[in-house]
Amino acid sequence: MRFLMLVHEEPGRDAGPPPASLIDAVESLRADTSLGRWLDDGGLAPVAEALWVRTEDGRAAVLDGPFAESKEVIGGFFVVEAASRDDMTRWVEQFIGLHARHWPELAYTAQVRQIAGAEA
């Protein structure tokens, strides 16, 4: 099973750069495949630089801003392959726990969803 974790951040809240201790701890989690295999990840450019496209009534259009300020934005993503939802839950708990311990100034919400059609 593959899962997508989306990291939702509050705009305007800057926790600064991640501490080296977090980077080291996250790299250890990446190497540990007991709960899941970390397949991909990435941080996203600011939402102000996003390209917005909409389909409606059989037409597609690129939208021009400005757009209302969001209360939260997707700041990054992770794709993890796990044997079960329980394993993925434990993986996410470890991941979030590392951030809480090593970078308490950071505040975010993670949404985890199974990728449809990605069963093991």
Protein backbone atom coordinates (compact mmCIF):
# COMPACT_ATOMS: atom_id res chain seq x y z
CA MET A 1 0.00 0.00 0.00
CA ARG A 2 1.25 3.47 -0.80
CA PHE A 3 0.29 6.52 1.21
CA LEU A 4 0.57 10.25 0.59
CA MET A 5 1.17 12.51 3.56
CA LEU A 6 0.42 16.19 2.96
CA VAL A 7 1.89 18.68 5.39
CA HIS A 8 -0.43 21.65 5.98
CA GLU A 9 1.22 24.79 7.33
CA GLU A 10 -0.17 28.07 8.62
CA PRO A 11 0.85 30.91 6.26
CA GLY A 12 3.03 33.57 7.78
CA ARG A 13 4.28 31.39 10.62
CA ASP A 14 8.02 30.96 10.21
CA ALA A 15 9.77 28.48 12.49
CA GLY A 16 13.13 29.10 10.84
CA PRO A 17 15.34 26.39 9.37
CA PRO A 18 15.11 22.85 10.71
CA PRO A 19 17.70 22.01 13.37
CA ALA A 20 20.53 19.63 12.50
CA SER A 21 19.30 17.18 15.14
CA LEU A 22 15.99 16.87 13.28
CA ILE A 23 17.72 16.29 9.95
CA ASP A 24 19.78 13.49 11.50
CA ALA A 25 16.72 11.91 13.17
CA VAL A 26 14.68 12.07 9.96
CA GLU A 27 17.51 10.46 7.97
CA SER A 28 17.53 7.60 10.50
CA LEU A 29 13.78 7.17 9.98
CA ARG A 30 14.32 7.18 6.21
CA ALA A 31 16.84 4.34 6.56
CA ASP A 32 14.57 2.29 8.87
CA THR A 33 12.23 0.25 6.67
CA SER A 34 10.59 -1.77 9.47
CA LEU A 35 7.28 0.13 9.19
CA GLY A 36 7.47 1.44 5.66
CA ARG A 37 9.69 2.46 2.80
CA TRP A 38 10.01 6.20 2.22
CA LEU A 39 9.61 6.59 -1.56
CA ASP A 40 9.57 10.33 -2.20
CA ASP A 41 9.19 13.72 -0.55
CA GLY A 42 9.45 17.38 -1.29
CA GLY A 43 8.82 20.86 -0.04
CA LEU A 44 6.67 23.15 -2.14
CA ALA A 45 7.30 26.67 -3.38
CA PRO A 46 5.13 29.42 -1.86
CA VAL A 47 1.45 29.32 -2.79
CA ALA A 48 1.83 32.81 -4.31
CA GLU A 49 3.86 31.14 -7.08
CA ALA A 50 1.24 28.45 -7.76
CA LEU A 51 -0.42 27.93 -11.12
CA TRP A 52 -4.17 27.50 -10.72
CA VAL A 53 -6.17 25.71 -13.41
CA ARG A 54 -9.90 25.00 -13.27
CA THR A 55 -12.23 22.87 -15.34
CA GLU A 56 -15.91 23.70 -15.52
CA ASP A 57 -18.65 23.12 -18.08
CA GLY A 58 -16.28 21.21 -20.34
CA ARG A 59 -13.67 23.97 -20.45
CA ALA A 60 -10.29 24.39 -18.79
CA ALA A 61 -8.95 27.78 -17.82
CA VAL A 62 -5.82 29.11 -16.15
CA LEU A 63 -6.94 31.40 -13.35
CA ASP A 64 -5.43 34.81 -12.63
CA GLY A 65 -5.10 36.03 -9.05
CA PRO A 66 -5.12 37.64 -6.69
CA PHE A 67 -6.66 34.92 -4.57
CA ALA A 68 -8.02 35.10 -1.05
CA GLU A 69 -5.37 34.29 1.52
CA SER A 70 -5.58 30.69 2.69
CA LYS A 71 -5.73 29.77 6.36
CA GLU A 72 -3.37 26.90 5.62
CA VAL A 73 -1.34 25.74 2.66
CA ILE A 74 0.28 22.48 1.65
CA GLY A 75 3.96 22.98 2.38
CA GLY A 76 5.27 19.55 1.46
CA PHE A 77 4.51 15.92 0.76
CA PHE A 78 5.80 12.44 1.51
CA VAL A 79 5.05 9.16 -0.23
CA VAL A 80 5.52 6.05 1.89
CA GLU A 81 4.92 2.40 1.08
CA ALA A 82 3.70 0.38 4.07
CA ALA A 83 2.33 -3.13 4.51
CA SER A 84 -0.78 -1.89 6.33
CA ARG A 85 -2.64 1.17 7.53
CA ASP A 86 -1.49 0.32 11.08
CA ASP A 87 2.17 0.38 9.98
CA MET A 88 1.61 3.70 8.23
CA THR A 89 -0.02 5.11 11.37
CA ARG A 90 3.00 4.08 13.44
CA TRP A 91 5.37 5.55 10.81
CA VAL A 92 3.53 8.90 10.89
CA GLU A 93 3.56 8.90 14.70
CA GLN A 94 7.35 8.48 14.61
CA PHE A 95 7.75 11.19 11.96
CA ILE A 96 5.57 13.70 13.83
CA GLY A 97 7.21 12.78 17.13
CA LEU A 98 10.65 13.60 15.73
CA HIS A 99 9.45 17.05 14.72
CA ALA A 100 7.79 17.67 18.09
CA ARG A 101 10.98 16.73 19.97
CA HIS A 102 13.59 18.37 17.74
CA TRP A 103 11.68 21.39 16.36
CA PRO A 104 8.97 22.43 18.84
CA GLU A 105 8.63 25.88 17.21
CA LEU A 106 7.14 24.25 14.10
CA ALA A 107 3.37 23.83 13.89
CA TYR A 108 1.68 21.84 11.14
CA THR A 109 -1.04 19.31 10.48
CA ALA A 110 -0.40 16.18 8.46
CA GLN A 111 -3.07 14.55 6.34
CA VAL A 112 -2.40 10.92 5.35
CA ARG A 113 -4.33 9.26 2.54
CA GLN A 114 -3.89 5.94 0.82
CA ILE A 115 -3.09 6.33 -2.86
CA ALA A 116 -5.99 4.73 -4.75
CA GLY A 117 -5.08 1.62 -6.68
CA ALA A 118 -1.73 1.33 -4.89
CA GLU A 119 -2.40 -1.83 -2.91
CA ALA A 120 0.52 -4.15 -2.25
